[in-house]
Amino acid sequence: MRKDIHPEYKKANVKCACGNAFETKSTAGDISVEICSACHPFFTGIQKFIDTDGRVEKFRKKAQKAVSKTTDKK
């Protein structure tokens, strides 16, 4: 068998955007995640409103402009 073909399996620190950190093992090294079990709504039971930038309203305005441009051409 060939030697040294598998990557090294070492301890890795996982850091979440909420500030939670824990240790696991991985071949990738340190890992940064956006959501973990400490802040995910499924695990916490608390629903968070993610759309704070008004993305839905921004999309609706853009869609309305596109519709008005097509009606102006006719």
PDB file of N, CA and C in Angstrom:
ATOM      1  N   MET A   1       0.828  -1.181   0.000  1.00  0.00           N
ATOM      2  CA  MET A   1       0.000   0.000   0.000  1.00  0.00           C
ATOM      3  C   MET A   1       0.878   1.252   0.000  1.00  0.00           C
ATOM      4  N   ARG A   2       0.347   2.290  -0.613  1.00  0.00           N
ATOM      5  CA  ARG A   2       1.083   3.548  -0.657  1.00  0.00           C
ATOM      6  C   ARG A   2       0.936   4.287   0.659  1.00  0.00           C
ATOM      7  N   LYS A   3       1.997   4.917   1.074  1.00  0.00           N
ATOM      8  CA  LYS A   3       1.996   5.662   2.333  1.00  0.00           C
ATOM      9  C   LYS A   3       1.781   7.148   2.056  1.00  0.00           C
ATOM     10  N   ASP A   4       1.248   7.837   3.054  1.00  0.00           N
ATOM     11  CA  ASP A   4       1.075   9.299   3.024  1.00  0.00           C
ATOM     12  C   ASP A   4       0.178   9.788   1.885  1.00  0.00           C
ATOM     13  N   ILE A   5      -0.889   9.056   1.581  1.00  0.00           N
ATOM     14  CA  ILE A   5      -1.812   9.519   0.543  1.00  0.00           C
ATOM     15  C   ILE A   5      -3.048  10.198   1.136  1.00  0.00           C
ATOM     16  N   HIS A   6      -3.275  10.023   2.423  1.00  0.00           N
ATOM     17  CA  HIS A   6      -4.434  10.625   3.062  1.00  0.00           C
ATOM     18  C   HIS A   6      -4.029  11.906   3.789  1.00  0.00           C
ATOM     19  N   PRO A   7      -4.913  12.920   3.781  1.00  0.00           N
ATOM     20  CA  PRO A   7      -4.580  14.150   4.511  1.00  0.00           C
ATOM     21  C   PRO A   7      -4.597  13.917   6.014  1.00  0.00           C
ATOM     22  N   GLU A   8      -3.921  14.778   6.723  1.00  0.00           N
ATOM     23  CA  GLU A   8      -3.827  14.664   8.175  1.00  0.00           C
ATOM     24  C   GLU A   8      -5.157  15.061   8.818  1.00  0.00           C
ATOM     25  N   TYR A   9      -5.638  14.254   9.737  1.00  0.00           N
ATOM     26  CA  TYR A   9      -6.885  14.486  10.466  1.00  0.00           C
ATOM     27  C   TYR A   9      -6.525  15.126  11.788  1.00  0.00           C
ATOM     28  N   LYS A  10      -6.814  16.431  11.922  1.00  0.00           N
ATOM     29  CA  LYS A  10      -6.350  17.169  13.087  1.00  0.00           C
ATOM     30  C   LYS A  10      -7.497  17.939  13.735  1.00  0.00           C
ATOM     31  N   LYS A  11      -7.232  18.518  14.897  1.00  0.00           N
ATOM     32  CA  LYS A  11      -8.235  19.313  15.605  1.00  0.00           C
ATOM     33  C   LYS A  11      -8.483  20.608  14.839  1.00  0.00           C
ATOM     34  N   ALA A  12      -9.762  21.015  14.790  1.00  0.00           N
ATOM     35  CA  ALA A  12     -10.132  22.248  14.106  1.00  0.00           C
ATOM     36  C   ALA A  12     -11.080  23.043  14.989  1.00  0.00           C
ATOM     37  N   ASN A  13     -10.896  24.344  15.009  1.00  0.00           N
ATOM     38  CA  ASN A  13     -11.786  25.232  15.742  1.00  0.00           C
ATOM     39  C   ASN A  13     -12.844  25.759  14.779  1.00  0.00           C
ATOM     40  N   VAL A  14     -14.109  25.646  15.182  1.00  0.00           N
ATOM     41  CA  VAL A  14     -15.220  26.139  14.390  1.00  0.00           C
ATOM     42  C   VAL A  14     -15.737  27.397  15.066  1.00  0.00           C
ATOM     43  N   LYS A  15     -15.788  28.511  14.311  1.00  0.00           N
ATOM     44  CA  LYS A  15     -16.259  29.782  14.851  1.00  0.00           C
ATOM     45  C   LYS A  15     -17.488  30.222  14.063  1.00  0.00           C
ATOM     46  N   CYS A  16     -18.547  30.544  14.797  1.00  0.00           N
ATOM     47  CA  CYS A  16     -19.797  30.986  14.194  1.00  0.00           C
ATOM     48  C   CYS A  16     -19.852  32.514  14.193  1.00  0.00           C
ATOM     49  N   ALA A  17     -20.680  33.069  13.316  1.00  0.00           N
ATOM     50  CA  ALA A  17     -20.860  34.519  13.253  1.00  0.00           C
ATOM     51  C   ALA A  17     -21.518  35.060  14.520  1.00  0.00           C
ATOM     52  N   CYS A  18     -22.259  34.212  15.247  1.00  0.00           N
ATOM     53  CA  CYS A  18     -22.918  34.652  16.485  1.00  0.00           C
ATOM     54  C   CYS A  18     -21.938  34.733  17.652  1.00  0.00           C
ATOM     55  N   GLY A  19     -20.734  34.220  17.483  1.00  0.00           N
ATOM     56  CA  GLY A  19     -19.732  34.254  18.543  1.00  0.00           C
ATOM     57  C   GLY A  19     -19.480  32.903  19.189  1.00  0.00           C
ATOM     58  N   ASN A  20     -20.314  31.932  18.900  1.00  0.00           N
ATOM     59  CA  ASN A  20     -20.143  30.595  19.455  1.00  0.00           C
ATOM     60  C   ASN A  20     -18.927  29.926  18.812  1.00  0.00           C
ATOM     61  N   ALA A  21     -18.161  29.203  19.600  1.00  0.00           N
ATOM     62  CA  ALA A  21     -16.990  28.487  19.089  1.00  0.00           C
ATOM     63  C   ALA A  21     -16.917  27.120  19.748  1.00  0.00           C
ATOM     64  N   PHE A  22     -16.509  26.131  18.963  1.00  0.00           N
ATOM     65  CA  PHE A  22     -16.319  24.795  19.504  1.00  0.00           C
ATOM     66  C   PHE A  22     -15.233  24.092  18.712  1.00  0.00           C
ATOM     67  N   GLU A  23     -14.789  22.958  19.237  1.00  0.00           N
ATOM     68  CA  GLU A  23     -13.677  22.224  18.635  1.00  0.00           C
ATOM     69  C   GLU A  23     -14.178  20.899  18.069  1.00  0.00           C
ATOM     70  N   THR A  24     -13.670  20.546  16.903  1.00  0.00           N
ATOM     71  CA  THR A  24     -13.981  19.275  16.264  1.00  0.00           C
ATOM     72  C   THR A  24     -12.724  18.803  15.551  1.00  0.00           C
ATOM     73  N   LYS A  25     -12.845  17.754  14.786  1.00  0.00           N
ATOM     74  CA  LYS A  25     -11.707  17.278  14.003  1.00  0.00           C
ATOM     75  C   LYS A  25     -12.039  17.387  12.527  1.00  0.00           C
ATOM     76  N   SER A  26     -11.029  17.751  11.741  1.00  0.00           N
ATOM     77  CA  SER A  26     -11.230  17.936  10.309  1.00  0.00           C
ATOM     78  C   SER A  26      -9.891  17.890   9.594  1.00  0.00           C
ATOM     79  N   THR A  27      -9.946  17.676   8.304  1.00  0.00           N
ATOM     80  CA  THR A  27      -8.741  17.758   7.489  1.00  0.00           C
ATOM     81  C   THR A  27      -8.548  19.169   6.955  1.00  0.00           C
ATOM     82  N   ALA A  28      -9.589  20.026   7.094  1.00  0.00           N
ATOM     83  CA  ALA A  28      -9.547  21.369   6.536  1.00  0.00           C
ATOM     84  C   ALA A  28      -8.878  22.394   7.444  1.00  0.00           C
ATOM     85  N   GLY A  29      -8.781  22.158   8.717  1.00  0.00           N
ATOM     86  CA  GLY A  29      -8.224  23.139   9.634  1.00  0.00           C
ATOM     87  C   GLY A  29      -9.338  23.963  10.262  1.00  0.00           C
ATOM     88  N   ASP A  30      -9.071  25.226  10.575  1.00  0.00           N
ATOM     89  CA  ASP A  30     -10.071  26.083  11.207  1.00  0.00           C
ATOM     90  C   ASP A  30     -11.193  26.405  10.227  1.00  0.00           C
ATOM     91  N   ILE A  31     -12.435  26.487  10.765  1.00  0.00           N
ATOM     92  CA  ILE A  31     -13.617  26.663   9.934  1.00  0.00           C
ATOM     93  C   ILE A  31     -14.430  27.840  10.473  1.00  0.00           C
ATOM     94  N   SER A  32     -14.940  28.696   9.589  1.00  0.00           N
ATOM     95  CA  SER A  32     -15.848  29.781   9.950  1.00  0.00           C
ATOM     96  C   SER A  32     -17.207  29.485   9.336  1.00  0.00           C
ATOM     97  N   VAL A  33     -18.269  29.579  10.154  1.00  0.00           N
ATOM     98  CA  VAL A  33     -19.623  29.315   9.663  1.00  0.00           C
ATOM     99  C   VAL A  33     -20.518  30.506   9.992  1.00  0.00           C
ATOM    100  N   GLU A  34     -21.613  30.646   9.235  1.00  0.00           N
ATOM    101  CA  GLU A  34     -22.551  31.734   9.454  1.00  0.00           C
ATOM    102  C   GLU A  34     -23.603  31.368  10.494  1.00  0.00           C
ATOM    103  N   ILE A  35     -24.030  30.111  10.510  1.00  0.00           N
ATOM    104  CA  ILE A  35     -25.087  29.666  11.419  1.00  0.00           C
ATOM    105  C   ILE A  35     -24.649  28.361  12.069  1.00  0.00           C
ATOM    106  N   CYS A  36     -24.872  28.266  13.384  1.00  0.00           N
ATOM    107  CA  CYS A  36     -24.558  27.041  14.113  1.00  0.00           C
ATOM    108  C   CYS A  36     -25.784  26.609  14.913  1.00  0.00           C
ATOM    109  N   SER A  37     -25.657  25.557  15.685  1.00  0.00           N
ATOM    110  CA  SER A  37     -26.793  25.058  16.456  1.00  0.00           C
ATOM    111  C   SER A  37     -27.186  26.009  17.592  1.00  0.00           C
ATOM    112  N   ALA A  38     -26.314  26.922  17.964  1.00  0.00           N
ATOM    113  CA  ALA A  38     -26.639  27.873  19.028  1.00  0.00           C
ATOM    114  C   ALA A  38     -27.506  29.029  18.531  1.00  0.00           C
ATOM    115  N   CYS A  39     -27.490  29.290  17.220  1.00  0.00           N
ATOM    116  CA  CYS A  39     -28.253  30.428  16.705  1.00  0.00           C
ATOM    117  C   CYS A  39     -29.240  30.055  15.603  1.00  0.00           C
ATOM    118  N   HIS A  40     -29.275  28.809  15.153  1.00  0.00           N
ATOM    119  CA  HIS A  40     -30.208  28.398  14.105  1.00  0.00           C
ATOM    120  C   HIS A  40     -31.620  28.292  14.672  1.00  0.00           C
ATOM    121  N   PRO A  41     -32.628  28.837  13.960  1.00  0.00           N
ATOM    122  CA  PRO A  41     -34.011  28.819  14.477  1.00  0.00           C
ATOM    123  C   PRO A  41     -34.554  27.418  14.746  1.00  0.00           C
ATOM    124  N   PHE A  42     -34.124  26.421  14.022  1.00  0.00           N
ATOM    125  CA  PHE A  42     -34.611  25.065  14.253  1.00  0.00           C
ATOM    126  C   PHE A  42     -34.225  24.572  15.637  1.00  0.00           C
ATOM    127  N   PHE A  43     -33.008  24.868  16.073  1.00  0.00           N
ATOM    128  CA  PHE A  43     -32.524  24.399  17.363  1.00  0.00           C
ATOM    129  C   PHE A  43     -32.952  25.307  18.516  1.00  0.00           C
ATOM    130  N   THR A  44     -33.052  26.620  18.264  1.00  0.00           N
ATOM    131  CA  THR A  44     -33.386  27.556  19.342  1.00  0.00           C
ATOM    132  C   THR A  44     -34.885  27.714  19.541  1.00  0.00           C
ATOM    133  N   GLY A  45     -35.677  27.485  18.499  1.00  0.00           N
ATOM    134  CA  GLY A  45     -37.119  27.674  18.590  1.00  0.00           C
ATOM    135  C   GLY A  45     -37.531  29.126  18.460  1.00  0.00           C
ATOM    136  N   ILE A  46     -36.589  30.004  18.178  1.00  0.00           N
ATOM    137  CA  ILE A  46     -36.861  31.435  18.024  1.00  0.00           C
ATOM    138  C   ILE A  46     -36.685  31.800  16.550  1.00  0.00           C
ATOM    139  N   GLN A  47     -37.715  32.396  15.980  1.00  0.00           N
ATOM    140  CA  GLN A  47     -37.665  32.789  14.572  1.00  0.00           C
ATOM    141  C   GLN A  47     -37.050  34.175  14.468  1.00  0.00           C
ATOM    142  N   LYS A  48     -36.064  34.344  13.570  1.00  0.00           N
ATOM    143  CA  LYS A  48     -35.443  35.637  13.341  1.00  0.00           C
ATOM    144  C   LYS A  48     -35.880  36.165  11.983  1.00  0.00           C
ATOM    145  N   PHE A  49     -36.036  37.471  11.872  1.00  0.00           N
ATOM    146  CA  PHE A  49     -36.367  38.097  10.601  1.00  0.00           C
ATOM    147  C   PHE A  49     -35.061  38.448   9.913  1.00  0.00           C
ATOM    148  N   ILE A  50     -34.768  37.798   8.804  1.00  0.00           N
ATOM    149  CA  ILE A  50     -33.481  37.949   8.131  1.00  0.00           C
ATOM    150  C   ILE A  50     -33.472  39.147   7.176  1.00  0.00           C
ATOM    151  N   ASP A  51     -34.605  39.479   6.566  1.00  0.00           N
ATOM    152  CA  ASP A  51     -34.669  40.515   5.534  1.00  0.00           C
ATOM    153  C   ASP A  51     -34.662  41.905   6.159  1.00  0.00           C
ATOM    154  N   THR A  52     -33.510  42.353   6.613  1.00  0.00           N
ATOM    155  CA  THR A  52     -33.419  43.663   7.235  1.00  0.00           C
ATOM    156  C   THR A  52     -33.070  44.751   6.227  1.00  0.00           C
ATOM    157  N   ASP A  53     -32.531  44.379   5.086  1.00  0.00           N
ATOM    158  CA  ASP A  53     -32.129  45.366   4.093  1.00  0.00           C
ATOM    159  C   ASP A  53     -33.267  45.766   3.163  1.00  0.00           C
ATOM    160  N   GLY A  54     -34.445  45.162   3.304  1.00  0.00           N
ATOM    161  CA  GLY A  54     -35.550  45.489   2.423  1.00  0.00           C
ATOM    162  C   GLY A  54     -35.360  44.922   1.028  1.00  0.00           C
ATOM    163  N   ARG A  55     -34.816  43.751   0.941  1.00  0.00           N
ATOM    164  CA  ARG A  55     -34.522  43.144  -0.358  1.00  0.00           C
ATOM    165  C   ARG A  55     -35.782  42.852  -1.155  1.00  0.00           C
ATOM    166  N   VAL A  56     -36.858  42.509  -0.459  1.00  0.00           N
ATOM    167  CA  VAL A  56     -38.103  42.221  -1.158  1.00  0.00           C
ATOM    168  C   VAL A  56     -38.631  43.498  -1.816  1.00  0.00           C
ATOM    169  N   GLU A  57     -38.607  44.599  -1.071  1.00  0.00           N
ATOM    170  CA  GLU A  57     -39.066  45.867  -1.630  1.00  0.00           C
ATOM    171  C   GLU A  57     -38.172  46.312  -2.783  1.00  0.00           C
ATOM    172  N   LYS A  58     -36.884  46.098  -2.651  1.00  0.00           N
ATOM    173  CA  LYS A  58     -35.939  46.450  -3.710  1.00  0.00           C
ATOM    174  C   LYS A  58     -36.244  45.653  -4.980  1.00  0.00           C
ATOM    175  N   PHE A  59     -36.542  44.365  -4.819  1.00  0.00           N
ATOM    176  CA  PHE A  59     -36.877  43.529  -5.964  1.00  0.00           C
ATOM    177  C   PHE A  59     -38.185  43.989  -6.615  1.00  0.00           C
ATOM    178  N   ARG A  60     -39.176  44.325  -5.782  1.00  0.00           N
ATOM    179  CA  ARG A  60     -40.461  44.773  -6.321  1.00  0.00           C
ATOM    180  C   ARG A  60     -40.315  46.059  -7.117  1.00  0.00           C
ATOM    181  N   LYS A  61     -39.483  46.994  -6.632  1.00  0.00           N
ATOM    182  CA  LYS A  61     -39.244  48.233  -7.373  1.00  0.00           C
ATOM    183  C   LYS A  61     -38.578  47.943  -8.715  1.00  0.00           C
ATOM    184  N   LYS A  62     -37.605  47.041  -8.697  1.00  0.00           N
ATOM    185  CA  LYS A  62     -36.901  46.686  -9.923  1.00  0.00           C
ATOM    186  C   LYS A  62     -37.855  46.012 -10.911  1.00  0.00           C
ATOM    187  N   ALA A  63     -38.714  45.128 -10.414  1.00  0.00           N
ATOM    188  CA  ALA A  63     -39.680  44.454 -11.267  1.00  0.00           C
ATOM    189  C   ALA A  63     -40.691  45.443 -11.833  1.00  0.00           C
ATOM    190  N   GLN A  64     -41.106  46.407 -11.031  1.00  0.00           N
ATOM    191  CA  GLN A  64     -42.063  47.417 -11.499  1.00  0.00           C
ATOM    192  C   GLN A  64     -41.444  48.267 -12.598  1.00  0.00           C
ATOM    193  N   LYS A  65     -40.156  48.613 -12.464  1.00  0.00           N
ATOM    194  CA  LYS A  65     -39.472  49.374 -13.512  1.00  0.00           C
ATOM    195  C   LYS A  65     -39.423  48.579 -14.802  1.00  0.00           C
ATOM    196  N   ALA A  66     -39.160  47.284 -14.698  1.00  0.00           N
ATOM    197  CA  ALA A  66     -39.088  46.439 -15.895  1.00  0.00           C
ATOM    198  C   ALA A  66     -40.453  46.365 -16.572  1.00  0.00           C
ATOM    199  N   VAL A  67     -41.517  46.266 -15.797  1.00  0.00           N
ATOM    200  CA  VAL A  67     -42.867  46.206 -16.366  1.00  0.00           C
ATOM    201  C   VAL A  67     -43.225  47.533 -17.017  1.00  0.00           C
ATOM    202  N   SER A  68     -42.871  48.639 -16.376  1.00  0.00           N
ATOM    203  CA  SER A  68     -43.203  49.949 -16.940  1.00  0.00           C
ATOM    204  C   SER A  68     -42.419  50.212 -18.228  1.00  0.00           C
ATOM    205  N   LYS A  69     -41.197  49.716 -18.327  1.00  0.00           N
ATOM    206  CA  LYS A  69     -40.414  49.888 -19.558  1.00  0.00           C
ATOM    207  C   LYS A  69     -41.034  49.122 -20.714  1.00  0.00           C
ATOM    208  N   THR A  70     -41.542  47.929 -20.438  1.00  0.00           N
ATOM    209  CA  THR A  70     -42.150  47.142 -21.516  1.00  0.00           C
ATOM    210  C   THR A  70     -43.474  47.744 -21.950  1.00  0.00           C
ATOM    211  N   THR A  71     -44.225  48.348 -21.053  1.00  0.00           N
ATOM    212  CA  THR A  71     -45.497  48.973 -21.436  1.00  0.00           C
ATOM    213  C   THR A  71     -45.266  50.289 -22.151  1.00  0.00           C
ATOM    214  N   ASP A  72     -44.150  50.989 -21.864  1.00  0.00           N
ATOM    215  CA  ASP A  72     -43.833  52.247 -22.535  1.00  0.00           C
ATOM    216  C   ASP A  72     -43.447  52.013 -23.986  1.00  0.00           C
ATOM    217  N   LYS A  73     -42.863  50.882 -24.312  1.00  0.00           N
ATOM    218  CA  LYS A  73     -42.429  50.590 -25.675  1.00  0.00           C
ATOM    219  C   LYS A  73     -43.600  50.327 -26.608  1.00  0.00           C
ATOM    220  N   LYS A  74     -44.703  49.865 -26.072  1.00  0.00           N
ATOM    221  CA  LYS A  74     -45.850  49.524 -26.931  1.00  0.00           C
ATOM    222  C   LYS A  74     -46.598  50.720 -27.406  1.00  0.00           C
TER     223      LYS A  74
END
